[in-house]
N, C-alpha and C. Protein backbone atom coordinates (compact mmCIF):
# COMPACT_ATOMS: atom_id res chain seq x y z
N MET A 1 -139.85 -119.68 -79.15
CA MET A 1 -140.85 -120.63 -79.61
C MET A 1 -140.42 -121.14 -80.99
N PRO A 2 -140.41 -122.45 -81.19
CA PRO A 2 -139.98 -122.98 -82.48
C PRO A 2 -140.95 -122.61 -83.59
N ASP A 3 -140.41 -122.46 -84.81
CA ASP A 3 -141.28 -122.17 -85.94
C ASP A 3 -142.02 -123.45 -86.36
N ASP A 4 -142.90 -123.34 -87.36
CA ASP A 4 -143.71 -124.48 -87.77
C ASP A 4 -142.86 -125.65 -88.25
N THR A 5 -141.78 -125.36 -88.96
CA THR A 5 -140.91 -126.43 -89.46
C THR A 5 -140.25 -127.17 -88.31
N ALA A 6 -139.77 -126.44 -87.32
CA ALA A 6 -139.14 -127.07 -86.16
C ALA A 6 -140.16 -127.87 -85.36
N GLN A 7 -141.40 -127.35 -85.24
CA GLN A 7 -142.43 -128.10 -84.53
C GLN A 7 -142.75 -129.40 -85.24
N ALA A 8 -142.82 -129.36 -86.56
CA ALA A 8 -143.08 -130.59 -87.32
C ALA A 8 -141.93 -131.57 -87.14
N ALA A 9 -140.70 -131.08 -87.21
CA ALA A 9 -139.54 -131.96 -87.04
C ALA A 9 -139.50 -132.51 -85.63
N SER A 10 -139.89 -131.70 -84.66
CA SER A 10 -139.91 -132.14 -83.27
C SER A 10 -140.91 -133.28 -83.09
N GLY A 11 -142.07 -133.14 -83.68
CA GLY A 11 -143.07 -134.22 -83.62
C GLY A 11 -142.58 -135.46 -84.32
N ASN A 12 -141.89 -135.28 -85.45
CA ASN A 12 -141.33 -136.42 -86.17
C ASN A 12 -140.25 -137.11 -85.35
N ALA A 13 -139.51 -136.37 -84.55
CA ALA A 13 -138.46 -136.96 -83.73
C ALA A 13 -139.04 -137.97 -82.76
N ARG A 14 -140.25 -137.70 -82.27
CA ARG A 14 -140.92 -138.64 -81.36
C ARG A 14 -141.49 -139.83 -82.10
N ALA A 15 -141.86 -139.65 -83.36
CA ALA A 15 -142.66 -140.64 -84.08
C ALA A 15 -141.89 -141.54 -85.04
N VAL A 16 -140.62 -141.24 -85.31
CA VAL A 16 -139.87 -142.05 -86.27
C VAL A 16 -139.87 -143.50 -85.81
N GLY A 17 -140.26 -144.38 -86.70
CA GLY A 17 -140.39 -145.79 -86.35
C GLY A 17 -139.12 -146.59 -86.50
N ARG A 18 -139.24 -147.85 -86.11
CA ARG A 18 -138.12 -148.77 -86.26
C ARG A 18 -137.76 -148.91 -87.73
N GLY A 19 -136.51 -149.26 -87.98
CA GLY A 19 -136.07 -149.42 -89.35
C GLY A 19 -135.69 -148.11 -90.01
N LYS A 20 -135.60 -147.04 -89.23
CA LYS A 20 -135.25 -145.73 -89.76
C LYS A 20 -134.01 -145.17 -89.04
N PRO A 21 -132.95 -145.94 -88.90
CA PRO A 21 -131.79 -145.45 -88.14
C PRO A 21 -131.14 -144.23 -88.78
N ASP A 22 -131.18 -144.12 -90.10
CA ASP A 22 -130.59 -142.94 -90.75
C ASP A 22 -131.35 -141.68 -90.39
N MET A 23 -132.67 -141.78 -90.29
CA MET A 23 -133.47 -140.62 -89.93
C MET A 23 -133.22 -140.24 -88.47
N LEU A 24 -133.12 -141.24 -87.60
CA LEU A 24 -132.83 -140.96 -86.19
C LEU A 24 -131.47 -140.26 -86.06
N ALA A 25 -130.48 -140.75 -86.80
CA ALA A 25 -129.14 -140.15 -86.75
C ALA A 25 -129.17 -138.72 -87.28
N ALA A 26 -129.94 -138.47 -88.32
CA ALA A 26 -130.05 -137.12 -88.87
C ALA A 26 -130.72 -136.18 -87.87
N LEU A 27 -131.77 -136.65 -87.20
CA LEU A 27 -132.46 -135.82 -86.23
C LEU A 27 -131.56 -135.51 -85.03
N ALA A 28 -130.62 -136.38 -84.71
CA ALA A 28 -129.69 -136.13 -83.61
C ALA A 28 -128.79 -134.94 -83.90
N LYS A 29 -128.69 -134.55 -85.17
CA LYS A 29 -127.86 -133.41 -85.56
C LYS A 29 -128.70 -132.20 -85.97
N HIS A 30 -130.00 -132.28 -85.75
CA HIS A 30 -130.91 -131.19 -86.12
C HIS A 30 -130.52 -129.92 -85.37
N PRO A 31 -130.58 -128.76 -86.03
CA PRO A 31 -130.18 -127.51 -85.37
C PRO A 31 -131.10 -127.06 -84.23
N ASP A 32 -132.33 -127.54 -84.21
CA ASP A 32 -133.27 -127.13 -83.16
C ASP A 32 -133.17 -128.07 -81.96
N GLY A 33 -132.87 -127.51 -80.82
CA GLY A 33 -132.72 -128.30 -79.60
C GLY A 33 -133.98 -129.04 -79.18
N HIS A 34 -135.16 -128.48 -79.50
CA HIS A 34 -136.42 -129.15 -79.17
C HIS A 34 -136.52 -130.49 -79.91
N VAL A 35 -136.04 -130.51 -81.12
CA VAL A 35 -136.08 -131.73 -81.92
C VAL A 35 -135.20 -132.79 -81.27
N ARG A 36 -133.99 -132.39 -80.90
CA ARG A 36 -133.07 -133.35 -80.28
C ARG A 36 -133.60 -133.82 -78.94
N GLN A 37 -134.21 -132.92 -78.17
CA GLN A 37 -134.75 -133.30 -76.87
C GLN A 37 -135.90 -134.30 -77.04
N ASN A 38 -136.77 -134.07 -78.01
CA ASN A 38 -137.87 -134.99 -78.25
C ASN A 38 -137.37 -136.33 -78.79
N LEU A 39 -136.27 -136.30 -79.50
CA LEU A 39 -135.72 -137.54 -80.04
C LEU A 39 -135.36 -138.52 -78.94
N VAL A 40 -134.89 -138.03 -77.82
CA VAL A 40 -134.52 -138.91 -76.71
C VAL A 40 -135.73 -139.71 -76.22
N THR A 41 -136.93 -139.19 -76.40
CA THR A 41 -138.12 -139.89 -75.94
C THR A 41 -138.65 -140.89 -76.97
N ASN A 42 -138.03 -140.96 -78.13
CA ASN A 42 -138.48 -141.89 -79.17
C ASN A 42 -138.22 -143.32 -78.71
N GLN A 43 -139.24 -144.15 -78.75
CA GLN A 43 -139.11 -145.53 -78.28
C GLN A 43 -138.18 -146.37 -79.15
N ASN A 44 -137.85 -145.89 -80.33
CA ASN A 44 -136.98 -146.62 -81.24
C ASN A 44 -135.56 -146.07 -81.29
N ILE A 45 -135.23 -145.17 -80.39
CA ILE A 45 -133.89 -144.59 -80.40
C ILE A 45 -132.85 -145.68 -80.18
N THR A 46 -131.75 -145.55 -80.88
CA THR A 46 -130.70 -146.56 -80.80
C THR A 46 -129.60 -146.12 -79.84
N PRO A 47 -128.85 -147.06 -79.32
CA PRO A 47 -127.71 -146.70 -78.46
C PRO A 47 -126.72 -145.78 -79.16
N ASP A 48 -126.51 -145.96 -80.47
CA ASP A 48 -125.59 -145.09 -81.20
C ASP A 48 -126.07 -143.64 -81.22
N VAL A 49 -127.36 -143.44 -81.39
CA VAL A 49 -127.91 -142.08 -81.40
C VAL A 49 -127.84 -141.48 -80.00
N LEU A 50 -128.09 -142.28 -78.99
CA LEU A 50 -127.96 -141.78 -77.61
C LEU A 50 -126.52 -141.36 -77.33
N ALA A 51 -125.56 -142.11 -77.87
CA ALA A 51 -124.15 -141.76 -77.67
C ALA A 51 -123.84 -140.40 -78.30
N VAL A 52 -124.42 -140.13 -79.46
CA VAL A 52 -124.22 -138.82 -80.10
C VAL A 52 -124.84 -137.72 -79.24
N LEU A 53 -126.04 -137.95 -78.75
CA LEU A 53 -126.76 -136.95 -77.97
C LEU A 53 -126.15 -136.73 -76.59
N ALA A 54 -125.31 -137.63 -76.14
CA ALA A 54 -124.67 -137.49 -74.83
C ALA A 54 -123.78 -136.26 -74.74
N THR A 55 -123.35 -135.76 -75.89
CA THR A 55 -122.49 -134.57 -75.92
C THR A 55 -123.23 -133.35 -76.47
N ASP A 56 -124.55 -133.39 -76.45
CA ASP A 56 -125.36 -132.30 -76.98
C ASP A 56 -125.10 -131.01 -76.20
N SER A 57 -125.32 -129.88 -76.85
CA SER A 57 -125.11 -128.58 -76.22
C SER A 57 -126.21 -128.21 -75.24
N ILE A 58 -127.34 -128.89 -75.30
CA ILE A 58 -128.49 -128.58 -74.44
C ILE A 58 -128.43 -129.46 -73.17
N PRO A 59 -128.35 -128.85 -71.98
CA PRO A 59 -128.27 -129.64 -70.75
C PRO A 59 -129.42 -130.64 -70.57
N ASP A 60 -130.65 -130.25 -70.93
CA ASP A 60 -131.79 -131.16 -70.76
C ASP A 60 -131.66 -132.40 -71.64
N VAL A 61 -131.05 -132.26 -72.80
CA VAL A 61 -130.83 -133.42 -73.68
C VAL A 61 -129.83 -134.36 -73.02
N ARG A 62 -128.73 -133.81 -72.52
CA ARG A 62 -127.72 -134.65 -71.85
C ARG A 62 -128.30 -135.34 -70.63
N GLN A 63 -129.15 -134.62 -69.88
CA GLN A 63 -129.78 -135.22 -68.70
C GLN A 63 -130.66 -136.39 -69.09
N ALA A 64 -131.45 -136.21 -70.14
CA ALA A 64 -132.34 -137.28 -70.61
C ALA A 64 -131.54 -138.49 -71.08
N VAL A 65 -130.42 -138.25 -71.75
CA VAL A 65 -129.56 -139.35 -72.20
C VAL A 65 -128.99 -140.07 -70.99
N ALA A 66 -128.57 -139.33 -69.99
CA ALA A 66 -127.96 -139.93 -68.79
C ALA A 66 -128.91 -140.88 -68.08
N GLN A 67 -130.20 -140.60 -68.13
CA GLN A 67 -131.15 -141.46 -67.43
C GLN A 67 -131.85 -142.46 -68.34
N HIS A 68 -131.56 -142.43 -69.62
CA HIS A 68 -132.23 -143.33 -70.56
C HIS A 68 -131.73 -144.77 -70.39
N PRO A 69 -132.63 -145.74 -70.31
CA PRO A 69 -132.20 -147.13 -70.09
C PRO A 69 -131.41 -147.75 -71.24
N ARG A 70 -131.51 -147.19 -72.43
CA ARG A 70 -130.76 -147.75 -73.57
C ARG A 70 -129.39 -147.11 -73.79
N THR A 71 -129.06 -146.12 -72.97
CA THR A 71 -127.75 -145.49 -73.12
C THR A 71 -126.68 -146.53 -72.79
N PRO A 72 -125.71 -146.71 -73.71
CA PRO A 72 -124.67 -147.73 -73.48
C PRO A 72 -123.85 -147.43 -72.22
N GLN A 73 -123.39 -148.49 -71.58
CA GLN A 73 -122.63 -148.34 -70.34
C GLN A 73 -121.37 -147.50 -70.53
N HIS A 74 -120.68 -147.63 -71.67
CA HIS A 74 -119.47 -146.82 -71.87
C HIS A 74 -119.79 -145.33 -71.95
N VAL A 75 -120.99 -145.00 -72.40
CA VAL A 75 -121.41 -143.60 -72.44
C VAL A 75 -121.73 -143.13 -71.03
N ILE A 76 -122.43 -143.97 -70.28
CA ILE A 76 -122.73 -143.65 -68.87
C ILE A 76 -121.44 -143.44 -68.10
N ASP A 77 -120.46 -144.32 -68.31
CA ASP A 77 -119.17 -144.19 -67.62
C ASP A 77 -118.50 -142.87 -67.96
N ALA A 78 -118.55 -142.46 -69.21
CA ALA A 78 -117.96 -141.19 -69.63
C ALA A 78 -118.72 -140.01 -69.02
N MET A 79 -120.04 -140.12 -68.98
CA MET A 79 -120.86 -139.03 -68.42
C MET A 79 -120.66 -138.90 -66.92
N ALA A 80 -120.28 -139.98 -66.26
CA ALA A 80 -120.12 -139.97 -64.80
C ALA A 80 -119.04 -138.98 -64.35
N SER A 81 -118.09 -138.68 -65.21
CA SER A 81 -117.03 -137.73 -64.83
C SER A 81 -117.43 -136.27 -65.10
N SER A 82 -118.60 -136.06 -65.63
CA SER A 82 -119.07 -134.71 -65.92
C SER A 82 -119.39 -133.94 -64.63
N THR A 83 -119.07 -132.67 -64.64
CA THR A 83 -119.44 -131.81 -63.51
C THR A 83 -120.75 -131.07 -63.79
N ASP A 84 -121.36 -131.34 -64.92
CA ASP A 84 -122.62 -130.70 -65.31
C ASP A 84 -123.74 -131.18 -64.37
N PRO A 85 -124.38 -130.27 -63.66
CA PRO A 85 -125.45 -130.67 -62.73
C PRO A 85 -126.59 -131.43 -63.42
N SER A 86 -126.90 -131.07 -64.66
CA SER A 86 -127.97 -131.77 -65.39
C SER A 86 -127.62 -133.23 -65.61
N VAL A 87 -126.38 -133.48 -66.01
CA VAL A 87 -125.93 -134.85 -66.23
C VAL A 87 -125.95 -135.62 -64.91
N GLN A 88 -125.48 -134.99 -63.86
CA GLN A 88 -125.45 -135.67 -62.56
C GLN A 88 -126.85 -135.99 -62.07
N ARG A 89 -127.82 -135.09 -62.32
CA ARG A 89 -129.23 -135.38 -61.96
C ARG A 89 -129.74 -136.56 -62.76
N GLY A 90 -129.43 -136.57 -64.05
CA GLY A 90 -129.87 -137.69 -64.89
C GLY A 90 -129.29 -139.01 -64.44
N LEU A 91 -128.01 -139.01 -64.10
CA LEU A 91 -127.37 -140.24 -63.62
C LEU A 91 -127.97 -140.68 -62.29
N ALA A 92 -128.27 -139.73 -61.42
CA ALA A 92 -128.88 -140.07 -60.13
C ALA A 92 -130.26 -140.69 -60.33
N ARG A 93 -131.03 -140.14 -61.25
CA ARG A 93 -132.35 -140.71 -61.53
C ARG A 93 -132.23 -142.10 -62.13
N ARG A 94 -131.26 -142.27 -63.01
CA ARG A 94 -131.02 -143.58 -63.62
C ARG A 94 -130.69 -144.61 -62.53
N ASN A 95 -129.79 -144.22 -61.62
CA ASN A 95 -129.40 -145.14 -60.55
C ASN A 95 -130.55 -145.45 -59.62
N SER A 96 -131.42 -144.47 -59.35
CA SER A 96 -132.55 -144.72 -58.47
C SER A 96 -133.58 -145.63 -59.12
N MET A 97 -133.62 -145.67 -60.44
CA MET A 97 -134.56 -146.54 -61.16
C MET A 97 -134.08 -147.97 -61.19
N THR A 98 -132.77 -148.19 -61.04
CA THR A 98 -132.22 -149.54 -61.14
C THR A 98 -132.05 -150.20 -59.80
N VAL A 99 -132.32 -149.48 -58.72
CA VAL A 99 -132.14 -150.06 -57.38
C VAL A 99 -133.32 -150.92 -57.02
């Protein structure tokens, strides 16, 4: 269970507004995986931050990036060669949403 600081950062990851790309980039490198996972759900996340999170150590983060509509195509292409089941599930969900 995350401590209070991680919970606050996790909530901030969802709430960071537009015009804060430096904060989004910093949260992409946060040591707590919950923060990075919540960051993917931020409506203001940038393609550059998604590209960073595409190589995250947490499978659920990579899966969320794989299915995110703002993930750049070159990142999707790179993720397509992954044997990680989480990434493959994310890509499958992404493809089913675009059909």
